[in-house]
PDB file of N, CA and C in Angstrom:
ATOM      1  N   MET A   1       7.273  43.515   0.676  1.00  0.00           N
ATOM      2  CA  MET A   1       6.544  42.625   1.559  1.00  0.00           C
ATOM      3  C   MET A   1       5.572  41.790   0.718  1.00  0.00           C
ATOM      4  N   SER A   2       5.616  40.474   0.910  1.00  0.00           N
ATOM      5  CA  SER A   2       4.734  39.599   0.141  1.00  0.00           C
ATOM      6  C   SER A   2       3.657  39.004   1.046  1.00  0.00           C
ATOM      7  N   LEU A   3       2.737  38.298   0.447  1.00  0.00           N
ATOM      8  CA  LEU A   3       1.669  37.635   1.206  1.00  0.00           C
ATOM      9  C   LEU A   3       2.212  36.516   2.082  1.00  0.00           C
ATOM     10  N   LEU A   4       3.397  36.005   1.761  1.00  0.00           N
ATOM     11  CA  LEU A   4       3.962  34.876   2.493  1.00  0.00           C
ATOM     12  C   LEU A   4       4.960  35.287   3.577  1.00  0.00           C
ATOM     13  N   THR A   5       5.120  36.571   3.810  1.00  0.00           N
ATOM     14  CA  THR A   5       6.068  37.039   4.804  1.00  0.00           C
ATOM     15  C   THR A   5       5.692  36.518   6.187  1.00  0.00           C
ATOM     16  N   ASP A   6       6.656  35.875   6.853  1.00  0.00           N
ATOM     17  CA  ASP A   6       6.490  35.312   8.202  1.00  0.00           C
ATOM     18  C   ASP A   6       5.403  34.246   8.287  1.00  0.00           C
ATOM     19  N   LYS A   7       5.154  33.517   7.218  1.00  0.00           N
ATOM     20  CA  LYS A   7       4.173  32.420   7.212  1.00  0.00           C
ATOM     21  C   LYS A   7       4.900  31.083   7.180  1.00  0.00           C
ATOM     22  N   LYS A   8       4.243  30.042   7.650  1.00  0.00           N
ATOM     23  CA  LYS A   8       4.735  28.674   7.550  1.00  0.00           C
ATOM     24  C   LYS A   8       3.998  28.016   6.392  1.00  0.00           C
ATOM     25  N   VAL A   9       4.727  27.272   5.558  1.00  0.00           N
ATOM     26  CA  VAL A   9       4.171  26.733   4.319  1.00  0.00           C
ATOM     27  C   VAL A   9       4.347  25.222   4.271  1.00  0.00           C
ATOM     28  N   ILE A  10       3.299  24.533   3.822  1.00  0.00           N
ATOM     29  CA  ILE A  10       3.354  23.095   3.546  1.00  0.00           C
ATOM     30  C   ILE A  10       3.221  22.938   2.031  1.00  0.00           C
ATOM     31  N   ILE A  11       4.154  22.210   1.429  1.00  0.00           N
ATOM     32  CA  ILE A  11       4.165  22.036  -0.030  1.00  0.00           C
ATOM     33  C   ILE A  11       3.885  20.577  -0.352  1.00  0.00           C
ATOM     34  N   ILE A  12       2.886  20.343  -1.206  1.00  0.00           N
ATOM     35  CA  ILE A  12       2.615  18.996  -1.702  1.00  0.00           C
ATOM     36  C   ILE A  12       2.648  19.075  -3.225  1.00  0.00           C
ATOM     37  N   GLY A  13       3.718  18.551  -3.801  1.00  0.00           N
ATOM     38  CA  GLY A  13       3.877  18.566  -5.250  1.00  0.00           C
ATOM     39  C   GLY A  13       3.302  17.305  -5.866  1.00  0.00           C
ATOM     40  N   ASP A  14       3.251  17.282  -7.176  1.00  0.00           N
ATOM     41  CA  ASP A  14       2.706  16.147  -7.927  1.00  0.00           C
ATOM     42  C   ASP A  14       3.805  15.560  -8.803  1.00  0.00           C
ATOM     43  N   ARG A  15       3.915  14.250  -8.804  1.00  0.00           N
ATOM     44  CA  ARG A  15       4.972  13.574  -9.568  1.00  0.00           C
ATOM     45  C   ARG A  15       4.860  13.865 -11.059  1.00  0.00           C
ATOM     46  N   ASP A  16       3.648  13.917 -11.598  1.00  0.00           N
ATOM     47  CA  ASP A  16       3.450  14.165 -13.025  1.00  0.00           C
ATOM     48  C   ASP A  16       3.269  15.646 -13.344  1.00  0.00           C
ATOM     49  N   GLY A  17       3.242  16.483 -12.312  1.00  0.00           N
ATOM     50  CA  GLY A  17       3.084  17.924 -12.495  1.00  0.00           C
ATOM     51  C   GLY A  17       4.326  18.643 -12.032  1.00  0.00           C
ATOM     52  N   ILE A  18       4.167  19.473 -11.030  1.00  0.00           N
ATOM     53  CA  ILE A  18       5.289  20.233 -10.481  1.00  0.00           C
ATOM     54  C   ILE A  18       5.730  19.583  -9.174  1.00  0.00           C
ATOM     55  N   PRO A  19       6.973  19.099  -9.107  1.00  0.00           N
ATOM     56  CA  PRO A  19       7.454  18.457  -7.882  1.00  0.00           C
ATOM     57  C   PRO A  19       7.589  19.450  -6.728  1.00  0.00           C
ATOM     58  N   GLY A  20       7.468  18.946  -5.511  1.00  0.00           N
ATOM     59  CA  GLY A  20       7.570  19.782  -4.326  1.00  0.00           C
ATOM     60  C   GLY A  20       8.889  20.515  -4.224  1.00  0.00           C
ATOM     61  N   GLN A  21       9.976  19.883  -4.645  1.00  0.00           N
ATOM     62  CA  GLN A  21      11.291  20.519  -4.569  1.00  0.00           C
ATOM     63  C   GLN A  21      11.363  21.755  -5.467  1.00  0.00           C
ATOM     64  N   ALA A  22      10.694  21.724  -6.609  1.00  0.00           N
ATOM     65  CA  ALA A  22      10.697  22.877  -7.516  1.00  0.00           C
ATOM     66  C   ALA A  22       9.927  24.044  -6.898  1.00  0.00           C
ATOM     67  N   ILE A  23       8.807  23.750  -6.248  1.00  0.00           N
ATOM     68  CA  ILE A  23       8.030  24.796  -5.581  1.00  0.00           C
ATOM     69  C   ILE A  23       8.841  25.377  -4.429  1.00  0.00           C
ATOM     70  N   GLU A  24       9.528  24.501  -3.695  1.00  0.00           N
ATOM     71  CA  GLU A  24      10.348  24.949  -2.574  1.00  0.00           C
ATOM     72  C   GLU A  24      11.456  25.889  -3.041  1.00  0.00           C
ATOM     73  N   GLU A  25      12.072  25.594  -4.170  1.00  0.00           N
ATOM     74  CA  GLU A  25      13.123  26.472  -4.712  1.00  0.00           C
ATOM     75  C   GLU A  25      12.555  27.847  -5.052  1.00  0.00           C
ATOM     76  N   CYS A  26      11.349  27.891  -5.599  1.00  0.00           N
ATOM     77  CA  CYS A  26      10.727  29.175  -5.939  1.00  0.00           C
ATOM     78  C   CYS A  26      10.411  29.993  -4.698  1.00  0.00           C
ATOM     79  N   LEU A  27      10.087  29.329  -3.599  1.00  0.00           N
ATOM     80  CA  LEU A  27       9.720  30.038  -2.377  1.00  0.00           C
ATOM     81  C   LEU A  27      10.926  30.519  -1.581  1.00  0.00           C
ATOM     82  N   LYS A  28      12.132  30.133  -1.979  1.00  0.00           N
ATOM     83  CA  LYS A  28      13.331  30.581  -1.267  1.00  0.00           C
ATOM     84  C   LYS A  28      13.544  32.092  -1.399  1.00  0.00           C
ATOM     85  N   THR A  29      12.921  32.715  -2.382  1.00  0.00           N
ATOM     86  CA  THR A  29      13.063  34.156  -2.559  1.00  0.00           C
ATOM     87  C   THR A  29      12.106  34.936  -1.665  1.00  0.00           C
ATOM     88  N   THR A  30      11.198  34.259  -0.971  1.00  0.00           N
ATOM     89  CA  THR A  30      10.255  34.919  -0.067  1.00  0.00           C
ATOM     90  C   THR A  30      10.722  34.753   1.371  1.00  0.00           C
ATOM     91  N   ASP A  31      10.006  35.349   2.290  1.00  0.00           N
ATOM     92  CA  ASP A  31      10.357  35.273   3.702  1.00  0.00           C
ATOM     93  C   ASP A  31       9.528  34.241   4.445  1.00  0.00           C
ATOM     94  N   CYS A  32       9.050  33.208   3.755  1.00  0.00           N
ATOM     95  CA  CYS A  32       8.249  32.180   4.414  1.00  0.00           C
ATOM     96  C   CYS A  32       9.149  31.040   4.898  1.00  0.00           C
ATOM     97  N   GLU A  33       8.597  30.221   5.791  1.00  0.00           N
ATOM     98  CA  GLU A  33       9.328  29.063   6.313  1.00  0.00           C
ATOM     99  C   GLU A  33       8.642  27.801   5.798  1.00  0.00           C
ATOM    100  N   VAL A  34       9.362  26.990   5.038  1.00  0.00           N
ATOM    101  CA  VAL A  34       8.828  25.727   4.541  1.00  0.00           C
ATOM    102  C   VAL A  34       8.989  24.689   5.649  1.00  0.00           C
ATOM    103  N   VAL A  35       7.866  24.219   6.204  1.00  0.00           N
ATOM    104  CA  VAL A  35       7.926  23.263   7.306  1.00  0.00           C
ATOM    105  C   VAL A  35       7.800  21.827   6.809  1.00  0.00           C
ATOM    106  N   PHE A  36       7.239  21.623   5.604  1.00  0.00           N
ATOM    107  CA  PHE A  36       7.102  20.282   5.039  1.00  0.00           C
ATOM    108  C   PHE A  36       7.044  20.413   3.534  1.00  0.00           C
ATOM    109  N   SER A  37       7.777  19.546   2.844  1.00  0.00           N
ATOM    110  CA  SER A  37       7.765  19.526   1.384  1.00  0.00           C
ATOM    111  C   SER A  37       7.821  18.080   0.926  1.00  0.00           C
ATOM    112  N   SER A  38       6.909  17.721   0.030  1.00  0.00           N
ATOM    113  CA  SER A  38       6.835  16.343  -0.442  1.00  0.00           C
ATOM    114  C   SER A  38       6.335  16.322  -1.881  1.00  0.00           C
ATOM    115  N   THR A  39       6.688  15.255  -2.583  1.00  0.00           N
ATOM    116  CA  THR A  39       6.157  15.015  -3.927  1.00  0.00           C
ATOM    117  C   THR A  39       5.397  13.710  -3.875  1.00  0.00           C
ATOM    118  N   GLU A  40       4.142  13.749  -4.238  1.00  0.00           N
ATOM    119  CA  GLU A  40       3.259  12.589  -4.154  1.00  0.00           C
ATOM    120  C   GLU A  40       2.815  12.165  -5.556  1.00  0.00           C
ATOM    121  N   CYS A  41       2.324  10.944  -5.652  1.00  0.00           N
ATOM    122  CA  CYS A  41       1.760  10.420  -6.893  1.00  0.00           C
ATOM    123  C   CYS A  41       0.268  10.224  -6.669  1.00  0.00           C
ATOM    124  N   PHE A  42      -0.534  11.053  -7.330  1.00  0.00           N
ATOM    125  CA  PHE A  42      -1.984  10.981  -7.176  1.00  0.00           C
ATOM    126  C   PHE A  42      -2.556  10.168  -8.335  1.00  0.00           C
ATOM    127  N   VAL A  43      -2.920   8.929  -8.037  1.00  0.00           N
ATOM    128  CA  VAL A  43      -3.466   8.038  -9.070  1.00  0.00           C
ATOM    129  C   VAL A  43      -4.880   7.670  -8.706  1.00  0.00           C
TER     130      VAL A  43
END
């Protein structure tokens, strides 16, 4: 059982850092539900 079990998650990745899709792939091994995933450019 992890801290993310049965939780809803919003992912905001960074274009020059870790993209949202990469974080989403890592969270597929948990029991959380990704409700929004995006990669933004913070300038």
